[in-house]
Each structure stands twice: as C-alpha cells, then as structure tokens.
Amino acid sequence: MTCLTTNRNSPVGAWVYPIHPKAGPQTIDWQQFIEPTRPHPFSSERFFRWRCWWDYGTGLSGDLLTHEYDALNQIMELGIPRSAMASGGIYYYNDGRTVPDTLQVAYEYPQRELTLLYSATLASRKDRGKVIMGHDGYMELGHTMQIYADPRSNKYQEKIQKGIIDPSLPIFSYAPGKKGVDAITSATEKYFAGRGLLYTYRGGKRVDTTHLHLAEWIHGIRKGEQPSCNIHRGFEEAITAHMSTISYKENRKVYWDEDKQTIT
C-alpha cells in the first residue's frame, strides 16, 4: 500500500488569494473569463480565487494530487489505476466555495497487487509525506529517502531479535548532496533538505536540484528531448485526477476502461 498526502493551513494555501483593490467590471473582462462556463454575475472573488469553484478549477485532485502522483509515478510507473473511490467535503472553509477542502481517495491497481491512498486537507500543516509500505519494510519519501524494517517482517525478523536492526531507526537513509549513505542523516542536513535547499551530484559534479529541473525543460525546448514527465505521464496523471473528481462529484466508485480509454 502507498500513501500520498497534501497538507496546507493558510488562506493562500486554500486559494483565498488577495483581491486587487482596483478590480471591477471596468478592469476585468468578465465575459471572456466565464465564456467556457455557465453564466454568473460579476464576482471579483471568483476571478481571483477561481480555484475554489468547480466552474473554473479541478479542486484538490486536479490541482494538488497531480504533483504528488507524478513523483510516485516517476518511481513506480503506476500508470492509470483500475478504479477510484473518493470522499470528503467542505469542513473548514465555509466561504461559498464548491470544491472540497478535505479529500480522501482510494485507488486500486489489481495487476500490481497495490492500493494507493491520497489524503488532503487545507486546514492542517502536519507533514505526512509519501510512504510506500510493504510486509518487510516501508519507505518514506520527501526531500530525503529513508527505509525502515517492519517490526513484524519475516525477512528481517532474526536480525531484529538479535538487535542488529532497530525498527525505530532507518536501515537506509539518503539525503541529496551526500556521496555516501549515513545510518542516520544529521539534523543539519535534515533541516536544509526539508526546505529544498540541498544539491545532488551528476557526473561527479555538485548541481543544484532546481537547476536540474529548469535545465531539463530548457533542453527539451532546444533539443527536442523528452522531459521526465512527458505527454504520456501527463495523460496518466490527468486521468487519475479526473477519476477522483468524477467519483467525488457523483458519489460513486469509478473505473478506467483501458480498451475503450474511458472512465466508467
């Protein structure tokens, strides 16, 4: 089983963006803004905080889930799930929005013998990260990577009983920027890694991770190279997000028909 999470706890994080003091019918082309949607009287709140309404946005699934899912899809090549079941609601920001501020989705991948749970809230900043769980251990993914043995593991049971492995400590820990692997990452590195301030190595040279992200995009434009998240990954992740949106809005379990390439 795998768990993905999104946690925010601020008005801006909940898409309650500032409204420009000069915003009004004279300064905003309202008709152009609502053209692809149903008619609605002018609203500067809807214009600046459009993510809060289904009329203009895709909520937690299409907006935030896609980022978390992409990270895991790059590692595990999950593709599109067989089914999705979503639940949630507006439990904190009762400000007229229509998209939920709390969402849970259960995805199933029978061919992989895997389930994926996505949990999101816009009212708590508790960092829950990404976790891949198995019988013998689990992996925590973030700006660092740590692997722990499960106390009930069959594979590591003898070493756990002998005290060689302590389930409360990682058996493998990696932080970008290190040439080797520490038993436990230092507090200083954890501080910087948690803020995305570290670097990694490419060809023996130290490189800033933000630079790598931008360089891949620029090289793709200049040389016609495929980025890590190409059109195929983008399609998989968009369909995955749409499945949870449809499930939430229709209050039912939905399925992906791979042969017909449709959500049912």
C-alpha atoms as a PDB file:
ATOM      1  CA  MET A   1       0.000   0.000   0.000  1.00  0.00           C
ATOM      2  CA  THR A   2       1.138   3.520  -0.763  1.00  0.00           C
ATOM      3  CA  CYS A   3       0.048   6.799   0.824  1.00  0.00           C
ATOM      4  CA  LEU A   4       0.253  10.298  -0.663  1.00  0.00           C
ATOM      5  CA  THR A   5      -0.732  13.462   1.181  1.00  0.00           C
ATOM      6  CA  THR A   6      -1.219  17.192   0.742  1.00  0.00           C
ATOM      7  CA  ASN A   7      -1.379  19.417   3.816  1.00  0.00           C
ATOM      8  CA  ARG A   8      -1.880  23.176   3.867  1.00  0.00           C
ATOM      9  CA  ASN A   9      -3.018  25.557   6.578  1.00  0.00           C
ATOM     10  CA  SER A  10      -3.240  29.128   5.318  1.00  0.00           C
ATOM     11  CA  PRO A  11      -5.800  31.171   3.352  1.00  0.00           C
ATOM     12  CA  VAL A  12      -3.413  31.467   0.409  1.00  0.00           C
ATOM     13  CA  GLY A  13      -2.821  27.706   0.551  1.00  0.00           C
ATOM     14  CA  ALA A  14      -6.599  27.311   0.375  1.00  0.00           C
ATOM     15  CA  TRP A  15      -6.681  29.537  -2.752  1.00  0.00           C
ATOM     16  CA  VAL A  16      -8.080  32.566  -0.902  1.00  0.00           C
ATOM     17  CA  TYR A  17      -5.850  34.926  -2.877  1.00  0.00           C
ATOM     18  CA  PRO A  18      -5.790  38.728  -2.348  1.00  0.00           C
ATOM     19  CA  ILE A  19      -8.248  40.714  -4.452  1.00  0.00           C
ATOM     20  CA  HIS A  20      -6.768  43.722  -6.251  1.00  0.00           C
ATOM     21  CA  PRO A  21      -8.327  46.954  -4.898  1.00  0.00           C
ATOM     22  CA  LYS A  22      -8.993  48.221  -8.431  1.00  0.00           C
ATOM     23  CA  ALA A  23     -10.693  45.016  -9.573  1.00  0.00           C
ATOM     24  CA  GLY A  24     -14.133  45.570 -11.075  1.00  0.00           C
ATOM     25  CA  PRO A  25     -16.270  45.242 -14.212  1.00  0.00           C
ATOM     26  CA  GLN A  26     -14.322  48.128 -15.751  1.00  0.00           C
ATOM     27  CA  THR A  27     -10.926  46.485 -15.291  1.00  0.00           C
ATOM     28  CA  ILE A  28     -11.796  42.795 -15.781  1.00  0.00           C
ATOM     29  CA  ASP A  29     -13.159  41.211 -18.951  1.00  0.00           C
ATOM     30  CA  TRP A  30     -15.671  39.104 -17.080  1.00  0.00           C
ATOM     31  CA  GLN A  31     -17.429  37.705 -20.147  1.00  0.00           C
ATOM     32  CA  GLN A  32     -14.183  36.378 -21.568  1.00  0.00           C
ATOM     33  CA  PHE A  33     -13.337  34.813 -18.209  1.00  0.00           C
ATOM     34  CA  ILE A  34     -16.641  32.900 -17.908  1.00  0.00           C
ATOM     35  CA  GLU A  35     -17.040  32.133 -21.637  1.00  0.00           C
ATOM     36  CA  PRO A  36     -16.380  28.375 -21.349  1.00  0.00           C
ATOM     37  CA  THR A  37     -18.559  28.078 -18.209  1.00  0.00           C
ATOM     38  CA  ARG A  38     -22.139  28.794 -17.227  1.00  0.00           C
ATOM     39  CA  PRO A  39     -23.221  32.461 -16.865  1.00  0.00           C
ATOM     40  CA  HIS A  40     -22.672  34.119 -13.494  1.00  0.00           C
ATOM     41  CA  PRO A  41     -22.873  37.720 -12.263  1.00  0.00           C
ATOM     42  CA  PHE A  42     -19.565  39.560 -11.962  1.00  0.00           C
ATOM     43  CA  SER A  43     -17.527  38.409  -8.954  1.00  0.00           C
ATOM     44  CA  SER A  44     -14.025  39.630  -8.218  1.00  0.00           C
ATOM     45  CA  GLU A  45     -13.797  36.822  -5.645  1.00  0.00           C
ATOM     46  CA  ARG A  46     -14.436  34.182  -8.288  1.00  0.00           C
ATOM     47  CA  PHE A  47     -11.990  35.852 -10.662  1.00  0.00           C
ATOM     48  CA  PHE A  48      -9.069  35.957  -8.221  1.00  0.00           C
ATOM     49  CA  ARG A  49      -9.954  32.837  -6.240  1.00  0.00           C
ATOM     50  CA  TRP A  50     -11.181  30.741  -9.152  1.00  0.00           C
ATOM     51  CA  ARG A  51      -9.678  27.501  -7.815  1.00  0.00           C
ATOM     52  CA  CYS A  52     -12.407  27.415  -5.151  1.00  0.00           C
ATOM     53  CA  TRP A  53     -15.177  26.658  -7.676  1.00  0.00           C
ATOM     54  CA  TRP A  54     -15.820  23.661  -9.895  1.00  0.00           C
ATOM     55  CA  ASP A  55     -16.878  26.094 -12.625  1.00  0.00           C
ATOM     56  CA  TYR A  56     -13.249  27.082 -13.177  1.00  0.00           C
ATOM     57  CA  GLY A  57     -10.963  24.579 -11.451  1.00  0.00           C
ATOM     58  CA  THR A  58     -10.454  20.933 -10.628  1.00  0.00           C
ATOM     59  CA  GLY A  59     -10.073  21.161  -6.851  1.00  0.00           C
ATOM     60  CA  LEU A  60      -7.651  19.147  -4.768  1.00  0.00           C
ATOM     61  CA  SER A  61      -7.437  16.329  -7.309  1.00  0.00           C
ATOM     62  CA  GLY A  62      -6.517  18.211 -10.469  1.00  0.00           C
ATOM     63  CA  ASP A  63      -4.626  20.944  -8.671  1.00  0.00           C
ATOM     64  CA  LEU A  64      -2.580  19.244  -5.944  1.00  0.00           C
ATOM     65  CA  LEU A  65      -2.898  15.460  -6.267  1.00  0.00           C
ATOM     66  CA  THR A  66      -1.246  15.578  -9.691  1.00  0.00           C
ATOM     67  CA  HIS A  67       2.028  16.863  -8.202  1.00  0.00           C
ATOM     68  CA  GLU A  68       2.197  14.132  -5.580  1.00  0.00           C
ATOM     69  CA  TYR A  69       1.141  11.445  -8.029  1.00  0.00           C
ATOM     70  CA  ASP A  70       3.739  12.490 -10.589  1.00  0.00           C
ATOM     71  CA  ALA A  71       6.538  11.974  -8.067  1.00  0.00           C
ATOM     72  CA  LEU A  72       5.398   8.420  -7.356  1.00  0.00           C
ATOM     73  CA  ASN A  73       4.567   7.670 -10.980  1.00  0.00           C
ATOM     74  CA  GLN A  74       8.147   8.551 -11.934  1.00  0.00           C
ATOM     75  CA  ILE A  75       9.421   5.972  -9.430  1.00  0.00           C
ATOM     76  CA  MET A  76       6.901   3.147  -9.708  1.00  0.00           C
ATOM     77  CA  GLU A  77       5.419   3.704 -13.193  1.00  0.00           C
ATOM     78  CA  LEU A  78       1.923   3.254 -11.803  1.00  0.00           C
ATOM     79  CA  GLY A  79       0.082   4.473 -14.884  1.00  0.00           C
ATOM     80  CA  ILE A  80      -3.701   4.746 -14.568  1.00  0.00           C
ATOM     81  CA  PRO A  81      -5.464   2.943 -11.700  1.00  0.00           C
ATOM     82  CA  ARG A  82      -8.180   0.367 -12.336  1.00  0.00           C
ATOM     83  CA  SER A  83     -10.614   2.149 -10.011  1.00  0.00           C
ATOM     84  CA  ALA A  84     -11.042   5.150  -7.731  1.00  0.00           C
ATOM     85  CA  MET A  85     -13.340   5.983  -4.826  1.00  0.00           C
ATOM     86  CA  ALA A  86     -13.318   9.484  -3.321  1.00  0.00           C
ATOM     87  CA  SER A  87     -14.915  11.122  -0.305  1.00  0.00           C
ATOM     88  CA  GLY A  88     -14.587  14.404   1.535  1.00  0.00           C
ATOM     89  CA  GLY A  89     -16.284  17.754   1.869  1.00  0.00           C
ATOM     90  CA  ILE A  90     -16.117  21.422   2.840  1.00  0.00           C
ATOM     91  CA  TYR A  91     -15.388  21.216   6.547  1.00  0.00           C
ATOM     92  CA  TYR A  92     -13.341  24.323   7.299  1.00  0.00           C
ATOM     93  CA  TYR A  93     -13.542  26.988   4.583  1.00  0.00           C
ATOM     94  CA  ASN A  94     -17.268  27.660   4.558  1.00  0.00           C
ATOM     95  CA  ASP A  95     -16.818  30.673   2.311  1.00  0.00           C
ATOM     96  CA  GLY A  96     -19.078  29.804  -0.603  1.00  0.00           C
ATOM     97  CA  ARG A  97     -16.633  27.548  -2.424  1.00  0.00           C
ATOM     98  CA  THR A  98     -17.835  24.373  -4.111  1.00  0.00           C
ATOM     99  CA  VAL A  99     -14.611  22.318  -4.196  1.00  0.00           C
ATOM    100  CA  PRO A 100     -13.838  20.337  -1.023  1.00  0.00           C
ATOM    101  CA  ASP A 101     -11.173  21.428   1.438  1.00  0.00           C
ATOM    102  CA  THR A 102     -10.810  17.832   2.654  1.00  0.00           C
ATOM    103  CA  LEU A 103     -10.432  14.860   0.322  1.00  0.00           C
ATOM    104  CA  GLN A 104      -9.569  11.176   0.507  1.00  0.00           C
ATOM    105  CA  VAL A 105      -9.222   8.878  -2.496  1.00  0.00           C
ATOM    106  CA  ALA A 106      -8.596   5.129  -2.675  1.00  0.00           C
ATOM    107  CA  TYR A 107      -7.071   3.880  -5.940  1.00  0.00           C
ATOM    108  CA  GLU A 108      -6.713   0.212  -6.854  1.00  0.00           C
ATOM    109  CA  TYR A 109      -4.130  -1.470  -9.108  1.00  0.00           C
ATOM    110  CA  PRO A 110      -5.104  -5.173  -9.119  1.00  0.00           C
ATOM    111  CA  GLN A 111      -2.449  -6.048 -11.688  1.00  0.00           C
ATOM    112  CA  ARG A 112       0.194  -4.656  -9.335  1.00  0.00           C
ATOM    113  CA  GLU A 113      -1.434  -6.028  -6.155  1.00  0.00           C
ATOM    114  CA  LEU A 114      -1.351  -2.465  -4.901  1.00  0.00           C
ATOM    115  CA  THR A 115      -3.640   0.170  -3.415  1.00  0.00           C
ATOM    116  CA  LEU A 116      -2.853   3.875  -3.204  1.00  0.00           C
ATOM    117  CA  LEU A 117      -4.454   6.247  -0.719  1.00  0.00           C
ATOM    118  CA  TYR A 118      -4.460  10.017  -1.208  1.00  0.00           C
ATOM    119  CA  SER A 119      -5.395  12.253   1.711  1.00  0.00           C
ATOM    120  CA  ALA A 120      -5.556  16.042   1.594  1.00  0.00           C
ATOM    121  CA  THR A 121      -6.562  18.840   3.949  1.00  0.00           C
ATOM    122  CA  LEU A 122      -6.399  22.619   3.677  1.00  0.00           C
ATOM    123  CA  ALA A 123      -6.745  23.090   7.433  1.00  0.00           C
ATOM    124  CA  SER A 124      -3.609  21.424   8.830  1.00  0.00           C
ATOM    125  CA  ARG A 125       0.098  21.815   8.073  1.00  0.00           C
ATOM    126  CA  LYS A 126       1.071  18.448   9.578  1.00  0.00           C
ATOM    127  CA  ASP A 127       3.692  16.919   7.259  1.00  0.00           C
ATOM    128  CA  ARG A 128       2.689  13.341   6.439  1.00  0.00           C
ATOM    129  CA  GLY A 129       4.772  12.912   3.282  1.00  0.00           C
ATOM    130  CA  LYS A 130       4.811   9.948   0.915  1.00  0.00           C
ATOM    131  CA  VAL A 131       5.082   6.384   2.230  1.00  0.00           C
ATOM    132  CA  ILE A 132       5.434   3.093   0.349  1.00  0.00           C
ATOM    133  CA  MET A 133       4.544   0.229   2.692  1.00  0.00           C
ATOM    134  CA  GLY A 134       5.329  -3.461   2.332  1.00  0.00           C
ATOM    135  CA  HIS A 135       5.371  -6.517   4.575  1.00  0.00           C
ATOM    136  CA  ASP A 136       9.097  -6.339   5.331  1.00  0.00           C
ATOM    137  CA  GLY A 137       9.562  -2.583   5.443  1.00  0.00           C
ATOM    138  CA  TYR A 138       8.437   0.855   4.391  1.00  0.00           C
ATOM    139  CA  MET A 139       9.993   3.759   2.538  1.00  0.00           C
ATOM    140  CA  GLU A 140       9.438   7.423   3.411  1.00  0.00           C
ATOM    141  CA  LEU A 141       9.941   9.808   0.510  1.00  0.00           C
ATOM    142  CA  GLY A 142      10.378  13.551   0.624  1.00  0.00           C
ATOM    143  CA  HIS A 143      13.422  15.738   0.198  1.00  0.00           C
ATOM    144  CA  THR A 144      15.212  12.733   1.710  1.00  0.00           C
ATOM    145  CA  MET A 145      14.605   8.994   1.486  1.00  0.00           C
ATOM    146  CA  GLN A 146      14.533   6.623   4.442  1.00  0.00           C
ATOM    147  CA  ILE A 147      13.799   2.906   4.609  1.00  0.00           C
ATOM    148  CA  TYR A 148      12.715   1.177   7.820  1.00  0.00           C
ATOM    149  CA  ALA A 149      12.280  -2.503   8.622  1.00  0.00           C
ATOM    150  CA  ASP A 150       8.803  -3.512   9.743  1.00  0.00           C
ATOM    151  CA  PRO A 151       8.818  -4.930  13.300  1.00  0.00           C
ATOM    152  CA  ARG A 152       6.797  -7.919  12.028  1.00  0.00           C
ATOM    153  CA  SER A 153       8.998  -8.523   8.995  1.00  0.00           C
ATOM    154  CA  ASN A 154       9.832 -12.128   8.116  1.00  0.00           C
ATOM    155  CA  LYS A 155      12.919 -11.128   6.141  1.00  0.00           C
ATOM    156  CA  TYR A 156      14.493  -9.112   8.964  1.00  0.00           C
ATOM    157  CA  GLN A 157      12.998 -10.920  11.976  1.00  0.00           C
ATOM    158  CA  GLU A 158      16.194 -12.719  13.001  1.00  0.00           C
ATOM    159  CA  LYS A 159      18.278  -9.518  12.842  1.00  0.00           C
ATOM    160  CA  ILE A 160      15.587  -7.603  14.730  1.00  0.00           C
ATOM    161  CA  GLN A 161      15.539 -10.230  17.506  1.00  0.00           C
ATOM    162  CA  LYS A 162      19.342 -10.115  17.751  1.00  0.00           C
ATOM    163  CA  GLY A 163      19.295  -6.327  17.975  1.00  0.00           C
ATOM    164  CA  ILE A 164      21.222  -5.912  14.722  1.00  0.00           C
ATOM    165  CA  ILE A 165      18.316  -3.948  13.226  1.00  0.00           C
ATOM    166  CA  ASP A 166      16.324  -1.442  15.262  1.00  0.00           C
ATOM    167  CA  PRO A 167      12.902  -0.901  13.572  1.00  0.00           C
ATOM    168  CA  SER A 168      12.762   2.624  15.028  1.00  0.00           C
ATOM    169  CA  LEU A 169      15.863   3.626  13.047  1.00  0.00           C
ATOM    170  CA  PRO A 170      16.297   3.651   9.252  1.00  0.00           C
ATOM    171  CA  ILE A 171      18.264   0.799   7.720  1.00  0.00           C
ATOM    172  CA  PHE A 172      18.928   3.036   4.727  1.00  0.00           C
ATOM    173  CA  SER A 173      18.944   6.820   4.602  1.00  0.00           C
ATOM    174  CA  TYR A 174      19.761   9.086   1.698  1.00  0.00           C
ATOM    175  CA  ALA A 175      19.921  12.873   1.501  1.00  0.00           C
ATOM    176  CA  PRO A 176      20.759  14.662  -1.780  1.00  0.00           C
ATOM    177  CA  GLY A 177      24.241  16.093  -1.676  1.00  0.00           C
ATOM    178  CA  LYS A 178      25.901  13.188   0.103  1.00  0.00           C
ATOM    179  CA  LYS A 179      28.395  10.967  -1.680  1.00  0.00           C
ATOM    180  CA  GLY A 180      27.623   8.092   0.624  1.00  0.00           C
ATOM    181  CA  VAL A 181      24.860   6.799   2.853  1.00  0.00           C
ATOM    182  CA  ASP A 182      24.613   7.508   6.587  1.00  0.00           C
ATOM    183  CA  ALA A 183      22.907   5.268   9.098  1.00  0.00           C
ATOM    184  CA  ILE A 184      21.051   8.380  10.313  1.00  0.00           C
ATOM    185  CA  THR A 185      21.060  11.689   8.445  1.00  0.00           C
ATOM    186  CA  SER A 186      22.378  14.602  10.502  1.00  0.00           C
ATOM    187  CA  ALA A 187      19.971  17.170  11.944  1.00  0.00           C
ATOM    188  CA  THR A 188      21.593  19.955   9.918  1.00  0.00           C
ATOM    189  CA  GLU A 189      21.103  18.126   6.625  1.00  0.00           C
ATOM    190  CA  LYS A 190      17.537  17.272   7.521  1.00  0.00           C
ATOM    191  CA  TYR A 191      16.855  20.963   8.135  1.00  0.00           C
ATOM    192  CA  PHE A 192      18.165  22.046   4.739  1.00  0.00           C
ATOM    193  CA  ALA A 193      16.737  19.062   2.867  1.00  0.00           C
ATOM    194  CA  GLY A 194      13.303  19.731   4.306  1.00  0.00           C
ATOM    195  CA  ARG A 195      13.411  23.173   2.729  1.00  0.00           C
ATOM    196  CA  GLY A 196      14.628  22.004  -0.650  1.00  0.00           C
ATOM    197  CA  LEU A 197      17.951  23.776  -0.209  1.00  0.00           C
ATOM    198  CA  LEU A 198      20.302  20.898  -0.945  1.00  0.00           C
ATOM    199  CA  TYR A 199      22.022  19.747  -4.088  1.00  0.00           C
ATOM    200  CA  THR A 200      22.742  16.445  -5.800  1.00  0.00           C
ATOM    201  CA  TYR A 201      25.503  15.010  -7.970  1.00  0.00           C
ATOM    202  CA  ARG A 202      25.546  14.495 -11.729  1.00  0.00           C
ATOM    203  CA  GLY A 203      28.685  13.076 -13.332  1.00  0.00           C
ATOM    204  CA  GLY A 204      30.653  13.716 -10.157  1.00  0.00           C
ATOM    205  CA  LYS A 205      29.738  17.401 -10.109  1.00  0.00           C
ATOM    206  CA  ARG A 206      27.607  19.077  -7.471  1.00  0.00           C
ATOM    207  CA  VAL A 207      24.445  20.516  -9.036  1.00  0.00           C
ATOM    208  CA  ASP A 208      21.550  22.476  -7.581  1.00  0.00           C
ATOM    209  CA  THR A 209      18.311  20.457  -7.902  1.00  0.00           C
ATOM    210  CA  THR A 210      16.305  23.492  -9.038  1.00  0.00           C
ATOM    211  CA  HIS A 211      18.835  23.976 -11.844  1.00  0.00           C
ATOM    212  CA  LEU A 212      18.285  20.377 -12.985  1.00  0.00           C
ATOM    213  CA  HIS A 213      14.540  20.900 -13.087  1.00  0.00           C
ATOM    214  CA  LEU A 214      14.790  24.037 -15.222  1.00  0.00           C
ATOM    215  CA  ALA A 215      17.606  22.648 -17.375  1.00  0.00           C
ATOM    216  CA  GLU A 216      15.535  19.623 -18.357  1.00  0.00           C
ATOM    217  CA  TRP A 217      12.712  21.893 -19.526  1.00  0.00           C
ATOM    218  CA  ILE A 218      15.039  24.197 -21.494  1.00  0.00           C
ATOM    219  CA  HIS A 219      16.916  21.292 -23.100  1.00  0.00           C
ATOM    220  CA  GLY A 220      13.601  19.800 -24.121  1.00  0.00           C
ATOM    221  CA  ILE A 221      12.726  23.003 -25.975  1.00  0.00           C
ATOM    222  CA  ARG A 222      16.145  23.486 -27.566  1.00  0.00           C
ATOM    223  CA  LYS A 223      16.939  19.895 -28.479  1.00  0.00           C
ATOM    224  CA  GLY A 224      13.538  18.258 -28.725  1.00  0.00           C
ATOM    225  CA  GLU A 225      14.304  15.971 -25.787  1.00  0.00           C
ATOM    226  CA  GLN A 226      11.565  14.346 -23.733  1.00  0.00           C
ATOM    227  CA  PRO A 227      11.254  15.611 -20.130  1.00  0.00           C
ATOM    228  CA  SER A 228      10.813  13.189 -17.236  1.00  0.00           C
ATOM    229  CA  CYS A 229       7.108  13.978 -17.115  1.00  0.00           C
ATOM    230  CA  ASN A 230       6.283  13.680 -20.809  1.00  0.00           C
ATOM    231  CA  ILE A 231       2.921  13.663 -22.592  1.00  0.00           C
ATOM    232  CA  HIS A 232       2.299  10.016 -21.680  1.00  0.00           C
ATOM    233  CA  ARG A 233       2.948  10.605 -17.970  1.00  0.00           C
ATOM    234  CA  GLY A 234       0.838  13.745 -18.133  1.00  0.00           C
ATOM    235  CA  PHE A 235      -2.076  11.774 -19.618  1.00  0.00           C
ATOM    236  CA  GLU A 236      -1.838   9.079 -16.942  1.00  0.00           C
ATOM    237  CA  GLU A 237      -1.786  11.628 -14.149  1.00  0.00           C
ATOM    238  CA  ALA A 238      -4.603  13.750 -15.595  1.00  0.00           C
ATOM    239  CA  ILE A 239      -6.886  10.724 -15.975  1.00  0.00           C
ATOM    240  CA  THR A 240      -6.047   9.613 -12.425  1.00  0.00           C
ATOM    241  CA  ALA A 241      -7.047  13.046 -11.110  1.00  0.00           C
ATOM    242  CA  HIS A 242     -10.245  13.124 -13.192  1.00  0.00           C
ATOM    243  CA  MET A 243     -11.252   9.715 -11.838  1.00  0.00           C
ATOM    244  CA  SER A 244     -11.245  11.003  -8.279  1.00  0.00           C
ATOM    245  CA  THR A 245     -13.095  14.203  -9.265  1.00  0.00           C
ATOM    246  CA  ILE A 246     -15.851  12.235 -11.003  1.00  0.00           C
ATOM    247  CA  SER A 247     -16.048   9.803  -8.080  1.00  0.00           C
ATOM    248  CA  TYR A 248     -16.391  12.657  -5.579  1.00  0.00           C
ATOM    249  CA  LYS A 249     -18.978  14.638  -7.565  1.00  0.00           C
ATOM    250  CA  GLU A 250     -21.087  11.578  -8.448  1.00  0.00           C
ATOM    251  CA  ASN A 251     -20.613   9.847  -5.088  1.00  0.00           C
ATOM    252  CA  ARG A 252     -19.680   6.504  -6.617  1.00  0.00           C
ATOM    253  CA  LYS A 253     -16.768   4.253  -7.462  1.00  0.00           C
ATOM    254  CA  VAL A 254     -15.423   4.794 -10.980  1.00  0.00           C
ATOM    255  CA  TYR A 255     -13.370   2.560 -13.275  1.00  0.00           C
ATOM    256  CA  TRP A 256     -10.877   3.019 -16.085  1.00  0.00           C
ATOM    257  CA  ASP A 257     -11.669   1.019 -19.203  1.00  0.00           C
ATOM    258  CA  GLU A 258      -8.261   0.539 -20.768  1.00  0.00           C
ATOM    259  CA  ASP A 259      -9.630  -0.894 -24.007  1.00  0.00           C
ATOM    260  CA  LYS A 260     -12.099   1.926 -24.645  1.00  0.00           C
ATOM    261  CA  GLN A 261      -9.889   4.561 -22.974  1.00  0.00           C
ATOM    262  CA  THR A 262     -12.842   5.893 -20.972  1.00  0.00           C
ATOM    263  CA  ILE A 263     -13.863   6.399 -17.355  1.00  0.00           C
ATOM    264  CA  THR A 264     -16.999   4.442 -16.444  1.00  0.00           C
END
